[in-house]
């Protein structure tokens, strides 16, 4: 999996997640920020904290940490699969 394929897979997971039930296509800036954060974070807990802060800042509404951790784990699986195949 190359970087472009990995990014598309990450975006697909984040669009499907839709934490505020407003439609996955309405999170473009938050998805972009999350994809950038994934490059530097390998810990599910750290990534979950970052995702939580990105989405809560943008929407001024709470997101459950447990849901952030679930999506962080999915994203890191994609990242790790991509790095193993390079």
N, C-alpha and C. Protein backbone atom coordinates (compact mmCIF):
# COMPACT_ATOMS: atom_id res chain seq x y z
N UNK A 1 0.86 -1.18 0.00
CA UNK A 1 0.00 0.00 0.00
C UNK A 1 0.89 1.24 0.00
N UNK A 2 0.71 2.12 -0.97
CA UNK A 2 1.51 3.34 -0.98
C UNK A 2 0.84 4.42 -0.12
N UNK A 3 1.49 5.55 0.01
CA UNK A 3 1.00 6.61 0.89
C UNK A 3 -0.38 7.11 0.47
N UNK A 4 -0.58 7.26 -0.83
CA UNK A 4 -1.88 7.75 -1.31
C UNK A 4 -2.99 6.76 -0.96
N UNK A 5 -2.74 5.47 -1.16
CA UNK A 5 -3.73 4.46 -0.82
C UNK A 5 -4.00 4.44 0.68
N UNK A 6 -2.93 4.58 1.46
CA UNK A 6 -3.08 4.63 2.92
C UNK A 6 -3.95 5.81 3.33
N UNK A 7 -3.65 6.99 2.77
CA UNK A 7 -4.42 8.19 3.11
C UNK A 7 -5.89 8.02 2.74
N UNK A 8 -6.17 7.43 1.59
CA UNK A 8 -7.56 7.20 1.19
C UNK A 8 -8.25 6.25 2.16
N UNK A 9 -7.55 5.23 2.60
CA UNK A 9 -8.12 4.29 3.57
C UNK A 9 -8.38 4.98 4.91
N UNK A 10 -7.46 5.83 5.34
CA UNK A 10 -7.64 6.58 6.58
C UNK A 10 -8.85 7.51 6.49
N UNK A 11 -8.95 8.22 5.38
CA UNK A 11 -10.08 9.13 5.17
C UNK A 11 -11.40 8.36 5.19
N UNK A 12 -11.43 7.20 4.56
CA UNK A 12 -12.66 6.40 4.52
C UNK A 12 -13.10 6.02 5.94
N UNK A 13 -12.16 5.62 6.79
CA UNK A 13 -12.49 5.26 8.17
C UNK A 13 -13.03 6.47 8.92
N UNK A 14 -12.38 7.62 8.73
CA UNK A 14 -12.81 8.82 9.44
C UNK A 14 -14.16 9.32 8.94
N UNK A 15 -14.43 9.23 7.66
CA UNK A 15 -15.74 9.63 7.14
C UNK A 15 -16.84 8.72 7.67
N UNK A 16 -16.54 7.45 7.76
CA UNK A 16 -17.52 6.50 8.27
C UNK A 16 -17.80 6.71 9.76
N UNK A 17 -16.79 7.17 10.48
CA UNK A 17 -16.90 7.35 11.94
C UNK A 17 -18.01 8.35 12.29
N UNK A 18 -18.01 9.55 11.74
CA UNK A 18 -19.07 10.55 11.90
C UNK A 18 -19.50 10.73 13.36
N UNK A 19 -18.63 11.22 14.25
CA UNK A 19 -18.94 11.28 15.68
C UNK A 19 -20.11 12.18 16.06
N UNK A 20 -20.44 13.15 15.22
CA UNK A 20 -21.54 14.06 15.54
C UNK A 20 -22.79 13.81 14.69
N UNK A 21 -22.77 12.72 13.93
CA UNK A 21 -23.92 12.33 13.11
C UNK A 21 -24.40 13.45 12.18
N UNK A 22 -23.43 14.08 11.48
CA UNK A 22 -23.78 15.17 10.57
C UNK A 22 -23.45 14.84 9.12
N UNK A 23 -22.89 13.67 8.90
CA UNK A 23 -22.49 13.27 7.55
C UNK A 23 -20.98 13.31 7.43
N UNK A 24 -20.39 12.19 7.04
CA UNK A 24 -18.94 12.05 7.00
C UNK A 24 -18.21 13.02 6.10
N UNK A 25 -18.90 13.54 5.08
CA UNK A 25 -18.24 14.46 4.15
C UNK A 25 -18.08 15.87 4.75
N UNK A 26 -18.63 16.12 5.93
CA UNK A 26 -18.56 17.45 6.53
C UNK A 26 -17.41 17.63 7.52
N UNK A 27 -16.48 16.70 7.51
CA UNK A 27 -15.36 16.75 8.45
C UNK A 27 -14.02 16.98 7.75
N UNK A 28 -14.00 17.57 6.58
CA UNK A 28 -12.75 17.67 5.82
C UNK A 28 -11.57 18.24 6.61
N UNK A 29 -11.71 19.39 7.28
CA UNK A 29 -10.54 19.93 8.00
C UNK A 29 -10.09 19.01 9.14
N UNK A 30 -11.05 18.43 9.85
CA UNK A 30 -10.71 17.55 10.97
C UNK A 30 -10.05 16.26 10.47
N UNK A 31 -10.54 15.75 9.36
CA UNK A 31 -9.93 14.55 8.78
C UNK A 31 -8.51 14.85 8.32
N UNK A 32 -8.32 15.99 7.68
CA UNK A 32 -6.97 16.37 7.23
C UNK A 32 -6.03 16.50 8.42
N UNK A 33 -6.48 17.15 9.48
CA UNK A 33 -5.63 17.31 10.68
C UNK A 33 -5.30 15.95 11.31
N UNK A 34 -6.27 15.05 11.30
CA UNK A 34 -6.06 13.73 11.89
C UNK A 34 -5.07 12.92 11.06
N UNK A 35 -5.20 12.98 9.74
CA UNK A 35 -4.28 12.24 8.87
C UNK A 35 -2.84 12.76 9.07
N UNK A 36 -2.68 14.06 9.23
CA UNK A 36 -1.35 14.61 9.49
C UNK A 36 -0.83 14.11 10.85
N UNK A 37 -1.69 14.09 11.85
CA UNK A 37 -1.28 13.66 13.19
C UNK A 37 -0.84 12.20 13.21
N UNK A 38 -1.46 11.38 12.39
CA UNK A 38 -1.15 9.95 12.36
C UNK A 38 0.31 9.71 11.98
N UNK A 39 0.86 10.57 11.17
CA UNK A 39 2.26 10.40 10.73
C UNK A 39 3.23 10.34 11.90
N UNK A 40 2.94 11.12 12.95
CA UNK A 40 3.88 11.26 14.06
C UNK A 40 3.49 10.50 15.32
N UNK A 41 2.33 9.87 15.32
CA UNK A 41 1.84 9.22 16.54
C UNK A 41 1.66 7.72 16.29
N UNK A 42 2.24 6.92 17.16
CA UNK A 42 2.13 5.46 17.04
C UNK A 42 1.34 4.83 18.17
N UNK A 43 1.03 5.60 19.20
CA UNK A 43 0.30 5.09 20.36
C UNK A 43 -1.20 5.31 20.18
N UNK A 44 -2.01 4.26 20.34
CA UNK A 44 -3.47 4.44 20.22
C UNK A 44 -4.02 5.48 21.20
N UNK A 45 -3.49 5.48 22.42
CA UNK A 45 -3.98 6.43 23.42
C UNK A 45 -3.62 7.87 23.05
N UNK A 46 -2.40 8.07 22.58
CA UNK A 46 -1.98 9.42 22.18
C UNK A 46 -2.77 9.90 20.96
N UNK A 47 -2.96 9.01 20.00
CA UNK A 47 -3.74 9.39 18.82
C UNK A 47 -5.18 9.68 19.20
N UNK A 48 -5.74 8.89 20.10
CA UNK A 48 -7.13 9.13 20.54
C UNK A 48 -7.26 10.51 21.19
N UNK A 49 -6.27 10.88 22.02
CA UNK A 49 -6.28 12.21 22.65
C UNK A 49 -6.23 13.31 21.60
N UNK A 50 -5.39 13.12 20.59
CA UNK A 50 -5.26 14.11 19.53
C UNK A 50 -6.56 14.22 18.74
N UNK A 51 -7.15 13.09 18.38
CA UNK A 51 -8.42 13.09 17.64
C UNK A 51 -9.49 13.80 18.46
N UNK A 52 -9.56 13.46 19.73
CA UNK A 52 -10.55 14.08 20.62
C UNK A 52 -10.38 15.60 20.62
N UNK A 53 -9.14 16.06 20.74
CA UNK A 53 -8.90 17.51 20.79
C UNK A 53 -9.24 18.18 19.45
N UNK A 54 -8.93 17.54 18.33
CA UNK A 54 -9.22 18.10 17.01
C UNK A 54 -10.73 18.28 16.84
N UNK A 55 -11.48 17.24 17.11
CA UNK A 55 -12.93 17.28 16.89
C UNK A 55 -13.65 18.15 17.91
N UNK A 56 -13.23 18.11 19.16
CA UNK A 56 -13.87 18.94 20.18
C UNK A 56 -13.59 20.42 19.94
N UNK A 57 -12.39 20.75 19.50
CA UNK A 57 -12.08 22.14 19.20
C UNK A 57 -12.93 22.65 18.03
N UNK A 58 -13.05 21.84 17.00
CA UNK A 58 -13.78 22.26 15.80
C UNK A 58 -15.28 22.40 16.04
N UNK A 59 -15.84 21.52 16.84
CA UNK A 59 -17.30 21.50 17.00
C UNK A 59 -17.77 21.98 18.36
N UNK A 60 -16.84 22.31 19.24
CA UNK A 60 -17.18 22.80 20.58
C UNK A 60 -18.21 21.89 21.25
N UNK A 61 -17.96 20.59 21.12
CA UNK A 61 -18.84 19.58 21.70
C UNK A 61 -17.97 18.38 22.11
N UNK A 62 -18.36 17.70 23.18
CA UNK A 62 -17.55 16.57 23.65
C UNK A 62 -17.66 15.34 22.75
N UNK A 63 -16.58 14.59 22.70
CA UNK A 63 -16.54 13.30 22.02
C UNK A 63 -16.04 12.29 23.06
N UNK A 64 -16.70 11.16 23.14
CA UNK A 64 -16.29 10.14 24.13
C UNK A 64 -14.90 9.61 23.79
N UNK A 65 -14.04 9.57 24.79
CA UNK A 65 -12.66 9.08 24.60
C UNK A 65 -12.67 7.64 24.08
N UNK A 66 -13.60 6.84 24.55
CA UNK A 66 -13.68 5.45 24.11
C UNK A 66 -13.89 5.35 22.61
N UNK A 67 -14.73 6.23 22.05
CA UNK A 67 -14.97 6.23 20.60
C UNK A 67 -13.73 6.70 19.86
N UNK A 68 -13.03 7.68 20.42
CA UNK A 68 -11.79 8.15 19.80
C UNK A 68 -10.74 7.04 19.81
N UNK A 69 -10.68 6.29 20.88
CA UNK A 69 -9.71 5.20 20.98
C UNK A 69 -10.04 4.10 19.97
N UNK A 70 -11.32 3.80 19.79
CA UNK A 70 -11.71 2.79 18.80
C UNK A 70 -11.25 3.19 17.40
N UNK A 71 -11.50 4.44 17.02
CA UNK A 71 -11.12 4.89 15.68
C UNK A 71 -9.60 5.00 15.56
N UNK A 72 -8.93 5.40 16.63
CA UNK A 72 -7.47 5.50 16.61
C UNK A 72 -6.84 4.13 16.34
N UNK A 73 -7.38 3.10 16.97
CA UNK A 73 -6.86 1.74 16.75
C UNK A 73 -7.04 1.32 15.29
N UNK A 74 -8.19 1.62 14.71
CA UNK A 74 -8.44 1.28 13.30
C UNK A 74 -7.45 2.01 12.40
N UNK A 75 -7.23 3.29 12.69
CA UNK A 75 -6.32 4.09 11.86
C UNK A 75 -4.88 3.58 11.96
N UNK A 76 -4.46 3.21 13.15
CA UNK A 76 -3.09 2.72 13.33
C UNK A 76 -2.89 1.36 12.68
N UNK A 77 -3.93 0.55 12.62
CA UNK A 77 -3.82 -0.72 11.90
C UNK A 77 -3.54 -0.44 10.43
N UNK A 78 -4.25 0.51 9.86
CA UNK A 78 -4.02 0.88 8.45
C UNK A 78 -2.60 1.40 8.26
N UNK A 79 -2.19 2.29 9.15
CA UNK A 79 -0.83 2.86 9.07
C UNK A 79 0.22 1.77 9.17
N UNK A 80 0.07 0.86 10.11
CA UNK A 80 1.05 -0.20 10.30
C UNK A 80 1.06 -1.18 9.15
N UNK A 81 -0.10 -1.49 8.60
CA UNK A 81 -0.17 -2.36 7.42
C UNK A 81 0.54 -1.72 6.23
N UNK A 82 0.38 -0.40 6.08
CA UNK A 82 1.01 0.30 4.97
C UNK A 82 2.54 0.31 5.12
N UNK A 83 3.01 0.53 6.35
CA UNK A 83 4.45 0.60 6.56
C UNK A 83 5.10 -0.77 6.44
N UNK A 84 4.36 -1.82 6.73
CA UNK A 84 4.91 -3.17 6.60
C UNK A 84 5.06 -3.60 5.14
N UNK A 85 4.25 -3.03 4.27
CA UNK A 85 4.29 -3.44 2.88
C UNK A 85 5.21 -2.59 2.01
N UNK A 86 5.78 -1.56 2.61
CA UNK A 86 6.67 -0.68 1.84
C UNK A 86 8.06 -1.28 1.77
